[in-house]
C-alpha atoms as a PDB file:
ATOM      1  CA  MET A   1     -10.856 -14.356  46.529  1.00  0.00           C
ATOM      2  CA  PRO A   2      -9.225 -12.176  43.734  1.00  0.00           C
ATOM      3  CA  TYR A   3      -8.248  -8.684  44.745  1.00  0.00           C
ATOM      4  CA  ASN A   4      -7.819  -5.578  42.668  1.00  0.00           C
ATOM      5  CA  VAL A   5      -4.321  -3.810  42.839  1.00  0.00           C
ATOM      6  CA  THR A   6      -4.651  -0.129  42.423  1.00  0.00           C
ATOM      7  CA  ALA A   7      -1.116   0.034  40.954  1.00  0.00           C
ATOM      8  CA  PHE A   8      -2.441  -1.446  37.921  1.00  0.00           C
ATOM      9  CA  ASN A   9      -5.168   1.383  37.436  1.00  0.00           C
ATOM     10  CA  THR A  10      -2.853   2.727  34.707  1.00  0.00           C
ATOM     11  CA  ALA A  11      -1.613   0.644  31.899  1.00  0.00           C
ATOM     12  CA  ARG A  12       1.906  -0.403  32.618  1.00  0.00           C
ATOM     13  CA  ALA A  13       4.342  -1.735  30.013  1.00  0.00           C
ATOM     14  CA  GLU A  14       6.157  -4.703  31.193  1.00  0.00           C
ATOM     15  CA  ALA A  15       8.125  -5.336  28.020  1.00  0.00           C
ATOM     16  CA  SER A  16       8.806  -3.531  24.713  1.00  0.00           C
ATOM     17  CA  TRP A  17      10.226  -4.034  21.517  1.00  0.00           C
ATOM     18  CA  ILE A  18      10.463  -2.668  17.812  1.00  0.00           C
ATOM     19  CA  GLU A  19       9.283  -4.573  14.924  1.00  0.00           C
ATOM     20  CA  TYR A  20      10.659  -3.634  11.232  1.00  0.00           C
ATOM     21  CA  PRO A  21       7.866  -5.059   8.967  1.00  0.00           C
ATOM     22  CA  PHE A  22       9.603  -4.031   5.539  1.00  0.00           C
ATOM     23  CA  ILE A  23      13.149  -4.530   6.389  1.00  0.00           C
ATOM     24  CA  GLU A  24      13.391  -7.058   3.791  1.00  0.00           C
ATOM     25  CA  HIS A  25      12.031  -4.582   1.082  1.00  0.00           C
ATOM     26  CA  GLY A  26      14.857  -2.089   2.002  1.00  0.00           C
ATOM     27  CA  VAL A  27      12.518   0.153   4.163  1.00  0.00           C
ATOM     28  CA  PRO A  28      14.478   0.337   7.567  1.00  0.00           C
ATOM     29  CA  THR A  29      12.291   3.392   8.613  1.00  0.00           C
ATOM     30  CA  ALA A  30       9.004   1.621   8.945  1.00  0.00           C
ATOM     31  CA  LYS A  31       8.596   0.706  12.534  1.00  0.00           C
ATOM     32  CA  VAL A  32       6.069  -0.828  14.889  1.00  0.00           C
ATOM     33  CA  TYR A  33       6.598  -0.024  18.562  1.00  0.00           C
ATOM     34  CA  CYS A  34       5.004  -2.832  20.659  1.00  0.00           C
ATOM     35  CA  MET A  35       4.561  -2.841  24.518  1.00  0.00           C
ATOM     36  CA  ASN A  36       3.269  -5.695  26.465  1.00  0.00           C
ATOM     37  CA  CYS A  37       0.844  -3.942  29.031  1.00  0.00           C
ATOM     38  CA  LYS A  38      -1.164  -4.837  32.128  1.00  0.00           C
ATOM     39  CA  VAL A  39      -4.027  -3.036  33.710  1.00  0.00           C
ATOM     40  CA  ASN A  40      -7.168  -3.507  35.950  1.00  0.00           C
ATOM     41  CA  VAL A  41     -10.161  -4.634  33.701  1.00  0.00           C
ATOM     42  CA  SER A  42     -12.188  -1.643  35.242  1.00  0.00           C
ATOM     43  CA  ALA A  43      -9.493   0.843  34.443  1.00  0.00           C
ATOM     44  CA  TYR A  44      -8.726  -0.351  30.846  1.00  0.00           C
ATOM     45  CA  THR A  45      -9.603   2.211  27.964  1.00  0.00           C
ATOM     46  CA  ALA A  46      -8.166   2.031  24.418  1.00  0.00           C
ATOM     47  CA  VAL A  47      -6.236   4.887  22.936  1.00  0.00           C
ATOM     48  CA  THR A  48      -8.087   6.649  20.110  1.00  0.00           C
ATOM     49  CA  ILE A  49      -6.927   5.171  16.828  1.00  0.00           C
ATOM     50  CA  GLY A  50      -4.650   7.623  15.149  1.00  0.00           C
ATOM     51  CA  THR A  51      -3.452   9.406  18.339  1.00  0.00           C
ATOM     52  CA  ALA A  52       0.102  10.524  17.687  1.00  0.00           C
ATOM     53  CA  MET A  53       3.144   9.492  19.669  1.00  0.00           C
ATOM     54  CA  THR A  54       6.426  11.053  18.435  1.00  0.00           C
ATOM     55  CA  ASN A  55       6.624  10.086  14.744  1.00  0.00           C
ATOM     56  CA  ALA A  56       4.159   7.320  15.109  1.00  0.00           C
ATOM     57  CA  PHE A  57       0.499   6.674  15.463  1.00  0.00           C
ATOM     58  CA  PHE A  58      -1.539   4.510  17.712  1.00  0.00           C
ATOM     59  CA  VAL A  59      -2.862   1.550  15.618  1.00  0.00           C
ATOM     60  CA  GLY A  60      -4.525  -0.645  18.289  1.00  0.00           C
ATOM     61  CA  ASP A  61      -4.310  -2.987  21.380  1.00  0.00           C
ATOM     62  CA  PHE A  62      -4.114  -6.664  20.386  1.00  0.00           C
ATOM     63  CA  GLY A  63      -4.026 -10.146  22.028  1.00  0.00           C
ATOM     64  CA  HIS A  64      -6.182  -9.324  25.296  1.00  0.00           C
ATOM     65  CA  SER A  65      -6.027 -11.866  27.787  1.00  0.00           C
ATOM     66  CA  TYR A  66      -7.690 -11.993  31.253  1.00  0.00           C
ATOM     67  CA  SER A  67      -6.154 -13.229  34.564  1.00  0.00           C
ATOM     68  CA  ASP A  68      -7.326 -13.826  38.036  1.00  0.00           C
ATOM     69  CA  GLY A  69      -7.343 -10.404  40.090  1.00  0.00           C
ATOM     70  CA  GLY A  70      -9.152  -8.570  37.387  1.00  0.00           C
ATOM     71  CA  ILE A  71      -6.153  -7.981  35.365  1.00  0.00           C
ATOM     72  CA  VAL A  72      -6.181  -7.583  31.462  1.00  0.00           C
ATOM     73  CA  GLU A  73      -2.767  -7.965  29.431  1.00  0.00           C
ATOM     74  CA  PHE A  74      -2.503  -6.932  25.829  1.00  0.00           C
ATOM     75  CA  THR A  75       0.038  -5.554  23.299  1.00  0.00           C
ATOM     76  CA  ARG A  76      -0.198  -1.925  22.592  1.00  0.00           C
ATOM     77  CA  LYS A  77       1.173  -0.832  19.226  1.00  0.00           C
ATOM     78  CA  PHE A  78       2.185   2.485  17.614  1.00  0.00           C
ATOM     79  CA  ALA A  79       3.399   2.590  13.999  1.00  0.00           C
ATOM     80  CA  THR A  80       5.278   5.040  11.842  1.00  0.00           C
ATOM     81  CA  VAL A  81       4.122   5.839   8.212  1.00  0.00           C
ATOM     82  CA  PRO A  82       6.329   3.666   6.195  1.00  0.00           C
ATOM     83  CA  GLY A  83       8.162   5.057   3.126  1.00  0.00           C
ATOM     84  CA  THR A  84       7.238   4.164  -0.340  1.00  0.00           C
ATOM     85  CA  TRP A  85       8.748   0.818  -1.788  1.00  0.00           C
ATOM     86  CA  THR A  86       8.459  -1.121  -5.054  1.00  0.00           C
ATOM     87  CA  GLU A  87       8.558  -4.859  -5.827  1.00  0.00           C
ATOM     88  CA  VAL A  88       8.278  -6.861  -8.813  1.00  0.00           C
ATOM     89  CA  VAL A  89       5.546  -9.532  -8.119  1.00  0.00           C
ATOM     90  CA  GLY A  90       5.360 -11.667 -11.106  1.00  0.00           C
ATOM     91  CA  SER A  91       3.747 -11.216 -14.477  1.00  0.00           C
ATOM     92  CA  GLU A  92       0.319 -10.923 -15.970  1.00  0.00           C
ATOM     93  CA  ILE A  93      -1.096 -11.461 -19.642  1.00  0.00           C
ATOM     94  CA  LYS A  94      -2.610  -8.075 -20.675  1.00  0.00           C
ATOM     95  CA  GLU A  95      -4.100  -6.694 -23.902  1.00  0.00           C
ATOM     96  CA  PHE A  96      -1.671  -4.414 -25.418  1.00  0.00           C
ATOM     97  CA  PRO A  97      -2.731  -1.927 -28.282  1.00  0.00           C
ATOM     98  CA  GLY A  98      -2.268  -2.425 -31.779  1.00  0.00           C
ATOM     99  CA  LEU A  99       0.214  -0.206 -33.664  1.00  0.00           C
ATOM    100  CA  ILE A 100      -0.617   2.000 -36.703  1.00  0.00           C
ATOM    101  CA  ASN A 101       2.322   4.146 -37.876  1.00  0.00           C
ATOM    102  CA  ASN A 102       2.221   7.615 -39.371  1.00  0.00           C
ATOM    103  CA  SER A 103       1.771   6.165 -42.803  1.00  0.00           C
ATOM    104  CA  LEU A 104      -1.236   4.440 -41.508  1.00  0.00           C
ATOM    105  CA  VAL A 105       0.343   0.985 -41.944  1.00  0.00           C
ATOM    106  CA  ILE A 106      -0.745  -1.763 -39.393  1.00  0.00           C
ATOM    107  CA  GLN A 107       2.287  -2.714 -37.674  1.00  0.00           C
ATOM    108  CA  ARG A 108       0.783  -4.890 -35.137  1.00  0.00           C
ATOM    109  CA  ARG A 109      -2.776  -5.851 -34.146  1.00  0.00           C
ATOM    110  CA  PRO A 110      -3.937  -5.511 -30.535  1.00  0.00           C
ATOM    111  CA  THR A 111      -2.347  -8.398 -28.763  1.00  0.00           C
ATOM    112  CA  ALA A 112      -2.394 -10.192 -25.328  1.00  0.00           C
ATOM    113  CA  GLU A 113       1.242 -10.683 -24.037  1.00  0.00           C
ATOM    114  CA  GLN A 114       2.790 -11.579 -20.762  1.00  0.00           C
ATOM    115  CA  SER A 115       4.419  -8.728 -18.830  1.00  0.00           C
ATOM    116  CA  PRO A 116       6.255  -8.287 -15.645  1.00  0.00           C
ATOM    117  CA  VAL A 117       4.167  -6.632 -13.032  1.00  0.00           C
ATOM    118  CA  ARG A 118       5.495  -4.395 -10.318  1.00  0.00           C
ATOM    119  CA  VAL A 119       3.752  -3.021  -7.344  1.00  0.00           C
ATOM    120  CA  THR A 120       4.622   0.486  -5.747  1.00  0.00           C
ATOM    121  CA  HIS A 121       3.434   0.763  -2.001  1.00  0.00           C
ATOM    122  CA  THR A 122       2.656   4.359  -0.885  1.00  0.00           C
ATOM    123  CA  TYR A 123       1.511   4.962   2.629  1.00  0.00           C
ATOM    124  CA  GLN A 124      -0.561   7.949   4.208  1.00  0.00           C
ATOM    125  CA  VAL A 125      -2.575   8.782   7.321  1.00  0.00           C
ATOM    126  CA  GLY A 126      -6.452   9.038   6.408  1.00  0.00           C
ATOM    127  CA  GLN A 127      -8.572   7.795   3.594  1.00  0.00           C
ATOM    128  CA  THR A 128      -8.195  10.713   1.142  1.00  0.00           C
ATOM    129  CA  PHE A 129      -6.469   8.701  -1.702  1.00  0.00           C
ATOM    130  CA  THR A 130      -4.695  10.122  -4.838  1.00  0.00           C
ATOM    131  CA  PHE A 131      -4.610   7.594  -7.678  1.00  0.00           C
ATOM    132  CA  SER A 132      -2.081   7.309 -10.464  1.00  0.00           C
ATOM    133  CA  ALA A 133      -3.829   7.745 -13.993  1.00  0.00           C
ATOM    134  CA  LEU A 134      -4.538   4.282 -15.534  1.00  0.00           C
ATOM    135  CA  PHE A 135      -2.909   3.639 -19.036  1.00  0.00           C
ATOM    136  CA  GLN A 136      -5.344   3.744 -22.019  1.00  0.00           C
ATOM    137  CA  VAL A 137      -5.074   4.750 -25.467  1.00  0.00           C
ATOM    138  CA  THR A 138      -7.562   7.581 -26.528  1.00  0.00           C
ATOM    139  CA  GLY A 139      -8.696   9.214 -29.785  1.00  0.00           C
ATOM    140  CA  ALA A 140     -11.384  11.801 -30.175  1.00  0.00           C
ATOM    141  CA  SER A 141     -12.160  11.369 -26.403  1.00  0.00           C
ATOM    142  CA  ASN A 142     -12.767   7.540 -26.718  1.00  0.00           C
ATOM    143  CA  VAL A 143     -10.781   4.683 -25.550  1.00  0.00           C
ATOM    144  CA  VAL A 144      -9.342   3.024 -28.674  1.00  0.00           C
ATOM    145  CA  PRO A 145      -7.698  -0.234 -29.319  1.00  0.00           C
ATOM    146  CA  TYR A 146      -4.905   1.078 -31.637  1.00  0.00           C
ATOM    147  CA  VAL A 147      -2.105   3.583 -31.126  1.00  0.00           C
ATOM    148  CA  ARG A 148      -2.470   5.356 -34.417  1.00  0.00           C
ATOM    149  CA  GLY A 149       0.019   8.127 -35.798  1.00  0.00           C
ATOM    150  CA  ALA A 150      -0.485  11.407 -34.158  1.00  0.00           C
ATOM    151  CA  ASP A 151      -4.323  10.716 -33.925  1.00  0.00           C
ATOM    152  CA  THR A 152      -4.035   9.138 -30.330  1.00  0.00           C
ATOM    153  CA  SER A 153      -2.893   9.745 -27.059  1.00  0.00           C
ATOM    154  CA  PRO A 154      -0.313   8.381 -26.663  1.00  0.00           C
ATOM    155  CA  THR A 155       1.047   8.943 -30.288  1.00  0.00           C
ATOM    156  CA  PHE A 156       2.732   6.341 -32.291  1.00  0.00           C
ATOM    157  CA  ALA A 157       6.084   7.912 -31.607  1.00  0.00           C
ATOM    158  CA  GLU A 158       5.256   8.052 -27.717  1.00  0.00           C
ATOM    159  CA  TYR A 159       4.066   4.703 -27.376  1.00  0.00           C
ATOM    160  CA  THR A 160       6.970   3.019 -29.504  1.00  0.00           C
ATOM    161  CA  ALA A 161       9.418   5.075 -27.424  1.00  0.00           C
ATOM    162  CA  SER A 162       7.762   3.569 -24.239  1.00  0.00           C
ATOM    163  CA  ILE A 163       8.176   0.182 -25.575  1.00  0.00           C
ATOM    164  CA  THR A 164      11.972   0.811 -26.226  1.00  0.00           C
ATOM    165  CA  ALA A 165      12.429   2.401 -22.951  1.00  0.00           C
ATOM    166  CA  LYS A 166      10.449  -0.492 -21.159  1.00  0.00           C
ATOM    167  CA  ASP A 167       8.406   2.207 -19.580  1.00  0.00           C
ATOM    168  CA  TRP A 168       5.890   1.095 -16.798  1.00  0.00           C
ATOM    169  CA  LEU A 169       2.146   1.577 -17.458  1.00  0.00           C
ATOM    170  CA  VAL A 170      -0.340   1.784 -14.474  1.00  0.00           C
ATOM    171  CA  ILE A 171      -2.931  -0.759 -14.743  1.00  0.00           C
ATOM    172  CA  ARG A 172      -4.752  -0.443 -11.380  1.00  0.00           C
ATOM    173  CA  ASN A 173      -4.655   1.186  -8.064  1.00  0.00           C
ATOM    174  CA  THR A 174      -5.715  -0.626  -4.869  1.00  0.00           C
ATOM    175  CA  PRO A 175      -6.369   1.128  -1.547  1.00  0.00           C
ATOM    176  CA  LEU A 176      -5.840  -0.848   1.645  1.00  0.00           C
ATOM    177  CA  ARG A 177      -5.823  -0.372   5.444  1.00  0.00           C
ATOM    178  CA  TYR A 178      -2.228  -0.952   6.683  1.00  0.00           C
ATOM    179  CA  MET A 179      -2.665  -0.331  10.391  1.00  0.00           C
ATOM    180  CA  GLY A 180      -5.042   1.709  12.374  1.00  0.00           C
ATOM    181  CA  ASN A 181      -5.519   4.930  10.405  1.00  0.00           C
ATOM    182  CA  ILE A 182      -2.607   4.408   8.272  1.00  0.00           C
ATOM    183  CA  PHE A 183      -3.500   3.401   4.662  1.00  0.00           C
ATOM    184  CA  GLU A 184      -1.717   2.087   1.630  1.00  0.00           C
ATOM    185  CA  VAL A 185      -2.156   2.470  -2.012  1.00  0.00           C
ATOM    186  CA  GLN A 186      -0.837  -0.304  -4.271  1.00  0.00           C
ATOM    187  CA  LYS A 187      -0.023   0.980  -7.697  1.00  0.00           C
ATOM    188  CA  TYR A 188       0.168  -1.975 -10.218  1.00  0.00           C
ATOM    189  CA  GLU A 189       2.100  -1.608 -13.420  1.00  0.00           C
ATOM    190  CA  ILE A 190       3.313  -3.501 -16.479  1.00  0.00           C
ATOM    191  CA  GLN A 191       5.944  -2.811 -18.927  1.00  0.00           C
ATOM    192  CA  ALA A 192       4.972  -1.456 -22.237  1.00  0.00           C
ATOM    193  CA  ARG A 193       4.885  -4.002 -25.139  1.00  0.00           C
END
């Protein structure tokens, strides 16, 4: 006959460890604190998502398993908000604007070219996102396929300087849930061509 031990009416950590999910990306401050816990099933309550521990937030209880005697075992995790990091993830073929110089001579028609792609990962608590402006060429308040002299934004001089400098142009922003109430915005960029 199973019995219920009152010593387990409060979750008890039997083992603990720290995971470093982005150490290979040079972000040693991103940590996930893990505790292997046991408690009576009748006394189990999850912590509210986002509850703060010193410098970390509760992100969930994982891997619940039940044993004789009415005990539930699980891994309780708290995570820090990771710092921003960037990686090159490959390449994409993208449509780049045509170039018309200040003398209105076409130097290049719009062209599809392969460009390296990098992703900048930024993290925050909560779902209020700030996105980087997407690259586009505008003239007279419309998106246009050519960079033309001083008539567009960017101008011919600005865009050709971006090509020379190999500047990165934002092509998309993707919001994701990282853990618990910690969210990530992935900013994708290509090099100007």
